[in-house]
Structures are given as C-alpha cells and as structure tokens.
Amino acid sequence: MLKAFSIAGYAAEEVEEKFSGMLNAFRYGAPPHGGFAPGIDRIVMLIANEPNIREVILFPMNQRAEDLMMNAPNEVGAEQLKELHIKSSLPPPKPLSD
C-alpha cells in the first residue's frame, strides 16, 4: 500500500500520519472481498423502495442509536446489576409524585 501512495506522490511519513488506521488494518490482511463488497443491504433498500438503509439493515438502530427490536438501551434493574457484579454509583430513582 505504501508503494501505491508513493506513486500518488505521498511520502511514507505522511501516509503513516494521515492513513494510520487503514494501514494498521491492512497489516492484519486484506478483506476477503478485496474491498469490492456487493452492498446487498443497499440493493435491498432500493428494491424495497425504502428511503433509509436502516429500514432493511440486519441490526437496525434509529438515528438516536436505539435498537427498537431489542429495546436497547434500556434501564437495568438492581437484580441484573447484582447478577453481573456491576456496582452503580447513581442514586436510586425518586418515586413519582402525583
């Protein structure tokens, strides 16, 4: 990859600085599809005539990063926290007054 960037006129130091994340990923190997993914989710979005890819994607989240199918994120009860050995430093919720 450094050779390709050098052909494009980039120095190795500049490539390390600007593209370090991509270089680090490629040190573990190229993606199995060689960077040419079919984009099936986008094709399904077009076929289903949906305006947003989130409507057809496998693990959908809305724009507020909520997974409506799993109802997440959600409040966790004290029993669940105890089971997972998680201690919360938040004060207990106040009861609602009428």
N, C-alpha and C. Protein backbone atom coordinates (compact mmCIF):
# COMPACT_ATOMS: atom_id res chain seq x y z
N MET A 1 0.82 -1.18 0.00
CA MET A 1 0.00 0.00 0.00
C MET A 1 0.87 1.25 0.00
N LEU A 2 1.98 1.20 0.71
CA LEU A 2 2.88 2.35 0.72
C LEU A 2 3.38 2.66 -0.69
N LYS A 3 3.58 1.61 -1.48
CA LYS A 3 4.04 1.81 -2.85
C LYS A 3 2.98 2.55 -3.67
N ALA A 4 1.72 2.19 -3.49
CA ALA A 4 0.64 2.87 -4.21
C ALA A 4 0.57 4.33 -3.82
N PHE A 5 0.71 4.62 -2.53
CA PHE A 5 0.70 6.01 -2.08
C PHE A 5 1.92 6.78 -2.58
N SER A 6 3.07 6.10 -2.67
CA SER A 6 4.27 6.79 -3.17
C SER A 6 4.11 7.13 -4.65
N ILE A 7 3.44 6.27 -5.41
CA ILE A 7 3.17 6.57 -6.82
C ILE A 7 2.26 7.79 -6.92
N ALA A 8 1.33 7.92 -5.96
CA ALA A 8 0.42 9.07 -5.94
C ALA A 8 1.09 10.33 -5.40
N GLY A 9 2.35 10.21 -4.96
CA GLY A 9 3.09 11.39 -4.52
C GLY A 9 3.12 11.62 -3.03
N TYR A 10 2.74 10.64 -2.24
CA TYR A 10 2.75 10.78 -0.78
C TYR A 10 4.04 10.20 -0.20
N ALA A 11 4.61 10.88 0.76
CA ALA A 11 5.77 10.36 1.48
C ALA A 11 5.27 9.34 2.51
N ALA A 12 6.14 8.40 2.87
CA ALA A 12 5.76 7.35 3.82
C ALA A 12 5.30 7.94 5.16
N GLU A 13 5.97 9.00 5.61
CA GLU A 13 5.62 9.63 6.89
C GLU A 13 4.21 10.23 6.82
N GLU A 14 3.90 10.85 5.68
CA GLU A 14 2.59 11.47 5.50
C GLU A 14 1.49 10.40 5.47
N VAL A 15 1.78 9.28 4.84
CA VAL A 15 0.82 8.18 4.78
C VAL A 15 0.57 7.63 6.18
N GLU A 16 1.65 7.44 6.96
CA GLU A 16 1.51 6.97 8.34
C GLU A 16 0.67 7.92 9.16
N GLU A 17 0.88 9.22 8.94
CA GLU A 17 0.17 10.24 9.72
C GLU A 17 -1.31 10.31 9.34
N LYS A 18 -1.60 10.33 8.05
CA LYS A 18 -2.97 10.55 7.58
C LYS A 18 -3.80 9.28 7.47
N PHE A 19 -3.17 8.15 7.24
CA PHE A 19 -3.89 6.91 6.97
C PHE A 19 -3.47 5.78 7.90
N SER A 20 -3.09 6.11 9.12
CA SER A 20 -2.56 5.09 10.04
C SER A 20 -3.59 4.00 10.35
N GLY A 21 -4.85 4.39 10.49
CA GLY A 21 -5.89 3.40 10.78
C GLY A 21 -6.02 2.37 9.67
N MET A 22 -6.04 2.84 8.44
CA MET A 22 -6.17 1.94 7.30
C MET A 22 -4.91 1.07 7.16
N LEU A 23 -3.75 1.67 7.34
CA LEU A 23 -2.51 0.90 7.26
C LEU A 23 -2.48 -0.20 8.32
N ASN A 24 -2.88 0.15 9.53
CA ASN A 24 -2.89 -0.83 10.61
C ASN A 24 -3.86 -1.97 10.29
N ALA A 25 -5.01 -1.65 9.75
CA ALA A 25 -5.98 -2.69 9.38
C ALA A 25 -5.41 -3.62 8.31
N PHE A 26 -4.73 -3.06 7.32
CA PHE A 26 -4.18 -3.88 6.24
C PHE A 26 -2.98 -4.70 6.70
N ARG A 27 -2.36 -4.33 7.81
CA ARG A 27 -1.27 -5.15 8.35
C ARG A 27 -1.80 -6.51 8.80
N TYR A 28 -3.10 -6.58 9.12
CA TYR A 28 -3.72 -7.84 9.50
C TYR A 28 -4.21 -8.62 8.29
N GLY A 29 -4.14 -8.02 7.11
CA GLY A 29 -4.55 -8.68 5.89
C GLY A 29 -5.66 -7.93 5.18
N ALA A 30 -5.78 -8.19 3.91
CA ALA A 30 -6.82 -7.54 3.10
C ALA A 30 -8.17 -8.17 3.41
N PRO A 31 -9.25 -7.42 3.23
CA PRO A 31 -10.58 -8.01 3.46
C PRO A 31 -10.82 -9.14 2.46
N PRO A 32 -11.61 -10.14 2.85
CA PRO A 32 -11.82 -11.29 1.97
C PRO A 32 -12.44 -10.94 0.63
N HIS A 33 -13.19 -9.86 0.57
CA HIS A 33 -13.81 -9.47 -0.69
C HIS A 33 -12.91 -8.53 -1.49
N GLY A 34 -11.70 -8.29 -1.00
CA GLY A 34 -10.75 -7.46 -1.72
C GLY A 34 -11.16 -6.00 -1.82
N GLY A 35 -12.06 -5.57 -0.96
CA GLY A 35 -12.51 -4.19 -1.00
C GLY A 35 -13.68 -3.97 -1.94
N PHE A 36 -14.15 -5.03 -2.58
CA PHE A 36 -15.27 -4.90 -3.51
C PHE A 36 -16.45 -5.65 -2.92
N ALA A 37 -17.15 -5.02 -2.01
CA ALA A 37 -18.32 -5.65 -1.40
C ALA A 37 -19.55 -5.38 -2.26
N PRO A 38 -20.47 -6.32 -2.33
CA PRO A 38 -21.62 -6.14 -3.22
C PRO A 38 -22.64 -5.11 -2.75
N GLY A 39 -22.64 -4.74 -1.47
CA GLY A 39 -23.61 -3.75 -1.00
C GLY A 39 -25.03 -4.27 -1.04
N ILE A 40 -25.21 -5.50 -0.59
CA ILE A 40 -26.52 -6.14 -0.66
C ILE A 40 -27.57 -5.35 0.11
N ASP A 41 -27.18 -4.78 1.26
CA ASP A 41 -28.15 -4.01 2.04
C ASP A 41 -28.67 -2.81 1.26
N ARG A 42 -27.81 -2.17 0.48
CA ARG A 42 -28.25 -1.03 -0.33
C ARG A 42 -29.14 -1.49 -1.50
N ILE A 43 -28.82 -2.64 -2.07
CA ILE A 43 -29.65 -3.18 -3.15
C ILE A 43 -31.05 -3.49 -2.62
N VAL A 44 -31.12 -4.13 -1.44
CA VAL A 44 -32.41 -4.44 -0.83
C VAL A 44 -33.17 -3.16 -0.51
N MET A 45 -32.46 -2.13 -0.05
CA MET A 45 -33.10 -0.84 0.23
C MET A 45 -33.76 -0.29 -1.03
N LEU A 46 -33.07 -0.38 -2.16
CA LEU A 46 -33.63 0.13 -3.41
C LEU A 46 -34.81 -0.72 -3.89
N ILE A 47 -34.68 -2.04 -3.78
CA ILE A 47 -35.76 -2.93 -4.20
C ILE A 47 -37.01 -2.71 -3.34
N ALA A 48 -36.80 -2.52 -2.03
CA ALA A 48 -37.93 -2.31 -1.11
C ALA A 48 -38.45 -0.88 -1.15
N ASN A 49 -37.81 -0.04 -1.95
CA ASN A 49 -38.20 1.36 -2.09
C ASN A 49 -38.22 2.08 -0.74
N GLU A 50 -37.20 1.81 0.07
CA GLU A 50 -37.07 2.45 1.38
C GLU A 50 -36.12 3.63 1.26
N PRO A 51 -36.42 4.75 1.91
CA PRO A 51 -35.56 5.92 1.82
C PRO A 51 -34.31 5.84 2.68
N ASN A 52 -34.28 4.91 3.65
CA ASN A 52 -33.18 4.83 4.60
C ASN A 52 -32.70 3.40 4.73
N ILE A 53 -31.39 3.20 4.70
CA ILE A 53 -30.83 1.85 4.78
C ILE A 53 -31.12 1.19 6.13
N ARG A 54 -31.37 1.99 7.15
CA ARG A 54 -31.67 1.43 8.48
C ARG A 54 -32.94 0.59 8.47
N GLU A 55 -33.81 0.80 7.50
CA GLU A 55 -35.06 0.05 7.44
C GLU A 55 -34.85 -1.39 6.99
N VAL A 56 -33.73 -1.68 6.35
CA VAL A 56 -33.51 -3.03 5.83
C VAL A 56 -32.23 -3.68 6.37
N ILE A 57 -31.46 -2.96 7.15
CA ILE A 57 -30.18 -3.49 7.62
C ILE A 57 -30.41 -4.54 8.70
N LEU A 58 -29.49 -5.46 8.83
CA LEU A 58 -29.66 -6.61 9.71
C LEU A 58 -29.78 -6.23 11.18
N PHE A 59 -28.96 -5.32 11.66
CA PHE A 59 -29.01 -4.89 13.06
C PHE A 59 -29.39 -3.42 13.09
N PRO A 60 -30.68 -3.11 12.93
CA PRO A 60 -31.08 -1.71 12.77
C PRO A 60 -31.03 -0.92 14.06
N MET A 61 -30.58 0.31 13.93
CA MET A 61 -30.66 1.29 15.01
C MET A 61 -31.22 2.56 14.40
N ASN A 62 -32.01 3.26 15.18
CA ASN A 62 -32.54 4.50 14.65
C ASN A 62 -31.50 5.61 14.79
N GLN A 63 -31.87 6.84 14.47
CA GLN A 63 -30.91 7.94 14.49
C GLN A 63 -30.48 8.31 15.90
N ARG A 64 -31.18 7.81 16.91
CA ARG A 64 -30.78 8.05 18.30
C ARG A 64 -30.01 6.86 18.86
N ALA A 65 -29.53 5.98 17.99
CA ALA A 65 -28.74 4.79 18.36
C ALA A 65 -29.52 3.86 19.28
N GLU A 66 -30.82 3.73 19.04
CA GLU A 66 -31.66 2.81 19.80
C GLU A 66 -31.98 1.61 18.93
N ASP A 67 -31.86 0.43 19.50
CA ASP A 67 -32.26 -0.79 18.81
C ASP A 67 -33.68 -1.10 19.25
N LEU A 68 -34.64 -0.79 18.39
CA LEU A 68 -36.05 -0.93 18.76
C LEU A 68 -36.48 -2.39 18.87
N MET A 69 -35.79 -3.30 18.20
CA MET A 69 -36.15 -4.71 18.29
C MET A 69 -35.71 -5.31 19.63
N MET A 70 -34.60 -4.82 20.16
CA MET A 70 -34.09 -5.32 21.44
C MET A 70 -34.44 -4.40 22.60
N ASN A 71 -35.13 -3.30 22.29
CA ASN A 71 -35.49 -2.30 23.30
C ASN A 71 -34.25 -1.84 24.05
N ALA A 72 -33.21 -1.50 23.30
CA ALA A 72 -31.95 -1.09 23.91
C ALA A 72 -31.53 0.28 23.39
N PRO A 73 -30.89 1.09 24.14
CA PRO A 73 -30.57 0.85 25.55
C PRO A 73 -31.82 1.01 26.41
N ASN A 74 -31.79 0.37 27.56
CA ASN A 74 -32.92 0.40 28.47
C ASN A 74 -32.41 0.40 29.89
N GLU A 75 -33.27 0.72 30.84
CA GLU A 75 -32.86 0.69 32.24
C GLU A 75 -32.63 -0.74 32.67
N VAL A 76 -31.70 -0.90 33.59
CA VAL A 76 -31.35 -2.22 34.11
C VAL A 76 -31.75 -2.27 35.57
N GLY A 77 -32.39 -3.35 35.95
CA GLY A 77 -32.82 -3.50 37.33
C GLY A 77 -31.67 -3.85 38.26
N ALA A 78 -31.88 -3.64 39.55
CA ALA A 78 -30.85 -3.91 40.56
C ALA A 78 -30.46 -5.39 40.56
N GLU A 79 -31.42 -6.27 40.32
CA GLU A 79 -31.13 -7.71 40.30
C GLU A 79 -30.18 -8.07 39.16
N GLN A 80 -30.38 -7.48 37.99
CA GLN A 80 -29.49 -7.74 36.86
C GLN A 80 -28.08 -7.22 37.14
N LEU A 81 -27.98 -6.04 37.73
CA LEU A 81 -26.67 -5.49 38.07
C LEU A 81 -25.95 -6.39 39.07
N LYS A 82 -26.69 -6.87 40.06
CA LYS A 82 -26.10 -7.75 41.07
C LYS A 82 -25.61 -9.05 40.43
N GLU A 83 -26.41 -9.61 39.53
CA GLU A 83 -26.05 -10.86 38.85
C GLU A 83 -24.76 -10.71 38.05
N LEU A 84 -24.55 -9.54 37.46
CA LEU A 84 -23.37 -9.30 36.63
C LEU A 84 -22.22 -8.66 37.40
N HIS A 85 -22.40 -8.51 38.71
CA HIS A 85 -21.38 -7.92 39.58
C HIS A 85 -21.00 -6.52 39.13
N ILE A 86 -22.02 -5.73 38.82
CA ILE A 86 -21.82 -4.33 38.42
C ILE A 86 -22.39 -3.44 39.51
N LYS A 87 -21.56 -2.52 39.98
CA LYS A 87 -22.00 -1.59 41.02
C LYS A 87 -22.29 -0.25 40.38
N SER A 88 -23.45 0.29 40.67
CA SER A 88 -23.85 1.59 40.13
C SER A 88 -23.65 2.65 41.20
N SER A 89 -23.08 3.76 40.82
CA SER A 89 -22.89 4.85 41.77
C SER A 89 -23.99 5.90 41.66
N LEU A 90 -25.00 5.61 40.85
CA LEU A 90 -26.11 6.54 40.70
C LEU A 90 -27.06 6.41 41.89
N PRO A 91 -27.67 7.51 42.31
CA PRO A 91 -28.65 7.41 43.39
C PRO A 91 -29.89 6.69 42.89
N PRO A 92 -30.63 6.04 43.78
CA PRO A 92 -31.85 5.35 43.33
C PRO A 92 -32.85 6.35 42.79
N PRO A 93 -33.68 5.94 41.84
CA PRO A 93 -34.65 6.88 41.25
C PRO A 93 -35.66 7.33 42.29
N LYS A 94 -36.08 8.58 42.16
CA LYS A 94 -37.08 9.14 43.07
C LYS A 94 -38.46 8.67 42.64
N PRO A 95 -39.33 8.36 43.60
CA PRO A 95 -40.69 7.95 43.22
C PRO A 95 -41.44 9.13 42.60
N LEU A 96 -42.30 8.82 41.66
CA LEU A 96 -43.10 9.86 41.01
C LEU A 96 -44.20 10.32 41.95
N SER A 97 -44.37 11.62 42.06
CA SER A 97 -45.43 12.15 42.92
C SER A 97 -46.59 12.61 42.05
N ASP A 98 -47.79 12.46 42.55
CA ASP A 98 -48.99 12.86 41.80
C ASP A 98 -49.30 14.31 41.96
